[in-house]
Amino acid sequence: MTTVVRRIGASPRARGSATGQSCPDIFELSDGSFAVIGREATRELEQELPHDAARANDERIVVITRETLVQAKDDIPPA
C-alpha cells in the first residue's frame, strides 16, 4: 500500500491559506511518486494539451499555483 511520506514545500498555511479555501499541496509517496492536491481542470485544459500528450480515463488534469511549485523546488529530490 502506498502511503504519504512527506510534504514537498511549504504547507498551505505557511503560504497564507488561513481559511482553507485554497490549499494546493504536493506530497512524496512511499513508492517514489508524488501526489498533488489542486484545482480539477480536466475539461478546461484537455483540449489545450500538446498533440503528443495524453490523459488516461483514470487521470485528471490538476492545477496548482505557481507559488506552490516554486516553494517546493528545494524539497524535490534529484533524479
C-alpha atoms as a PDB file:
ATOM      1  CA  MET A   1       0.000   0.000   0.000  1.00  0.00           C
ATOM      2  CA  THR A   2       1.332   3.414  -0.970  1.00  0.00           C
ATOM      3  CA  THR A   3       1.500   5.982   1.830  1.00  0.00           C
ATOM      4  CA  VAL A   4       2.326   9.684   2.133  1.00  0.00           C
ATOM      5  CA  VAL A   5       5.940  10.076   3.254  1.00  0.00           C
ATOM      6  CA  ARG A   6       6.245  13.850   3.457  1.00  0.00           C
ATOM      7  CA  ARG A   7       5.014  17.199   2.204  1.00  0.00           C
ATOM      8  CA  ILE A   8       7.065  18.792  -0.556  1.00  0.00           C
ATOM      9  CA  GLY A   9       7.397  22.525   0.051  1.00  0.00           C
ATOM     10  CA  ALA A  10       5.626  24.815   2.461  1.00  0.00           C
ATOM     11  CA  SER A  11       2.227  23.973   3.926  1.00  0.00           C
ATOM     12  CA  PRO A  12      -0.827  25.847   2.645  1.00  0.00           C
ATOM     13  CA  ARG A  13      -0.983  27.695   5.975  1.00  0.00           C
ATOM     14  CA  ALA A  14       2.659  28.798   5.611  1.00  0.00           C
ATOM     15  CA  ARG A  15       1.780  30.086   2.132  1.00  0.00           C
ATOM     16  CA  GLY A  16      -1.053  32.187   3.560  1.00  0.00           C
ATOM     17  CA  SER A  17      -4.126  29.951   3.288  1.00  0.00           C
ATOM     18  CA  ALA A  18      -5.566  30.541   6.734  1.00  0.00           C
ATOM     19  CA  THR A  19      -9.158  29.964   5.591  1.00  0.00           C
ATOM     20  CA  GLY A  20      -8.684  26.560   3.958  1.00  0.00           C
ATOM     21  CA  GLN A  21     -10.293  27.872   0.778  1.00  0.00           C
ATOM     22  CA  SER A  22      -7.176  27.361  -1.353  1.00  0.00           C
ATOM     23  CA  CYS A  23      -4.930  24.515  -0.298  1.00  0.00           C
ATOM     24  CA  PRO A  24      -2.872  23.202  -3.217  1.00  0.00           C
ATOM     25  CA  ASP A  25      -0.258  20.802  -1.899  1.00  0.00           C
ATOM     26  CA  ILE A  26       2.383  18.312  -3.047  1.00  0.00           C
ATOM     27  CA  PHE A  27       3.329  15.077  -1.273  1.00  0.00           C
ATOM     28  CA  GLU A  28       6.037  12.475  -1.835  1.00  0.00           C
ATOM     29  CA  LEU A  29       4.699   8.916  -1.662  1.00  0.00           C
ATOM     30  CA  SER A  30       6.352   5.770  -0.356  1.00  0.00           C
ATOM     31  CA  ASP A  31       6.705   4.356  -3.877  1.00  0.00           C
ATOM     32  CA  GLY A  32       8.618   7.467  -5.032  1.00  0.00           C
ATOM     33  CA  SER A  33       5.631   9.006  -6.832  1.00  0.00           C
ATOM     34  CA  PHE A  34       4.110  12.376  -5.992  1.00  0.00           C
ATOM     35  CA  ALA A  35       0.508  13.239  -5.144  1.00  0.00           C
ATOM     36  CA  VAL A  36      -0.878  16.699  -5.860  1.00  0.00           C
ATOM     37  CA  ILE A  37      -3.883  18.475  -4.383  1.00  0.00           C
ATOM     38  CA  GLY A  38      -5.078  21.141  -6.769  1.00  0.00           C
ATOM     39  CA  ARG A  39      -7.997  22.525  -8.714  1.00  0.00           C
ATOM     40  CA  GLU A  40      -9.500  19.963 -11.102  1.00  0.00           C
ATOM     41  CA  ALA A  41      -9.264  21.411 -14.620  1.00  0.00           C
ATOM     42  CA  THR A  42      -9.577  18.445 -16.985  1.00  0.00           C
ATOM     43  CA  ARG A  43     -12.473  19.809 -19.055  1.00  0.00           C
ATOM     44  CA  GLU A  44     -10.955  23.273 -19.159  1.00  0.00           C
ATOM     45  CA  LEU A  45      -7.456  22.241 -20.265  1.00  0.00           C
ATOM     46  CA  GLU A  46      -7.686  18.864 -22.025  1.00  0.00           C
ATOM     47  CA  GLN A  47      -8.088  20.412 -25.475  1.00  0.00           C
ATOM     48  CA  GLU A  48      -5.104  22.675 -24.776  1.00  0.00           C
ATOM     49  CA  LEU A  49      -2.647  19.798 -24.285  1.00  0.00           C
ATOM     50  CA  PRO A  50       0.124  19.400 -26.874  1.00  0.00           C
ATOM     51  CA  HIS A  51      -0.538  16.811 -29.593  1.00  0.00           C
ATOM     52  CA  ASP A  52       1.931  14.374 -28.001  1.00  0.00           C
ATOM     53  CA  ALA A  53       0.279  14.491 -24.555  1.00  0.00           C
ATOM     54  CA  ALA A  54      -2.500  12.151 -23.485  1.00  0.00           C
ATOM     55  CA  ARG A  55      -4.689  11.545 -20.456  1.00  0.00           C
ATOM     56  CA  ALA A  56      -5.923   8.092 -19.451  1.00  0.00           C
ATOM     57  CA  ASN A  57      -9.527   7.655 -18.290  1.00  0.00           C
ATOM     58  CA  ASP A  58      -8.407   7.435 -14.659  1.00  0.00           C
ATOM     59  CA  GLU A  59      -6.226  10.577 -14.863  1.00  0.00           C
ATOM     60  CA  ARG A  60      -7.207  14.196 -14.267  1.00  0.00           C
ATOM     61  CA  ILE A  61      -5.527  17.487 -15.069  1.00  0.00           C
ATOM     62  CA  VAL A  62      -4.917  19.304 -11.795  1.00  0.00           C
ATOM     63  CA  VAL A  63      -3.742  22.892 -11.434  1.00  0.00           C
ATOM     64  CA  ILE A  64      -1.602  24.126  -8.564  1.00  0.00           C
ATOM     65  CA  THR A  65      -0.425  27.667  -8.029  1.00  0.00           C
ATOM     66  CA  ARG A  66       2.978  28.754  -9.232  1.00  0.00           C
ATOM     67  CA  GLU A  67       3.848  29.651  -5.625  1.00  0.00           C
ATOM     68  CA  THR A  68       3.116  26.072  -4.510  1.00  0.00           C
ATOM     69  CA  LEU A  69       5.543  24.587  -7.036  1.00  0.00           C
ATOM     70  CA  VAL A  70       8.230  27.262  -6.619  1.00  0.00           C
ATOM     71  CA  GLN A  71       8.250  26.823  -2.845  1.00  0.00           C
ATOM     72  CA  ALA A  72       8.510  23.047  -3.305  1.00  0.00           C
ATOM     73  CA  LYS A  73      11.516  23.281  -5.631  1.00  0.00           C
ATOM     74  CA  ASP A  74      14.166  22.897  -2.914  1.00  0.00           C
ATOM     75  CA  ASP A  75      12.394  19.839  -1.458  1.00  0.00           C
ATOM     76  CA  ILE A  76      12.115  17.899  -4.727  1.00  0.00           C
ATOM     77  CA  PRO A  77      14.743  15.165  -4.658  1.00  0.00           C
ATOM     78  CA  PRO A  78      17.196  14.833  -7.541  1.00  0.00           C
ATOM     79  CA  ALA A  79      16.606  12.099 -10.092  1.00  0.00           C
END
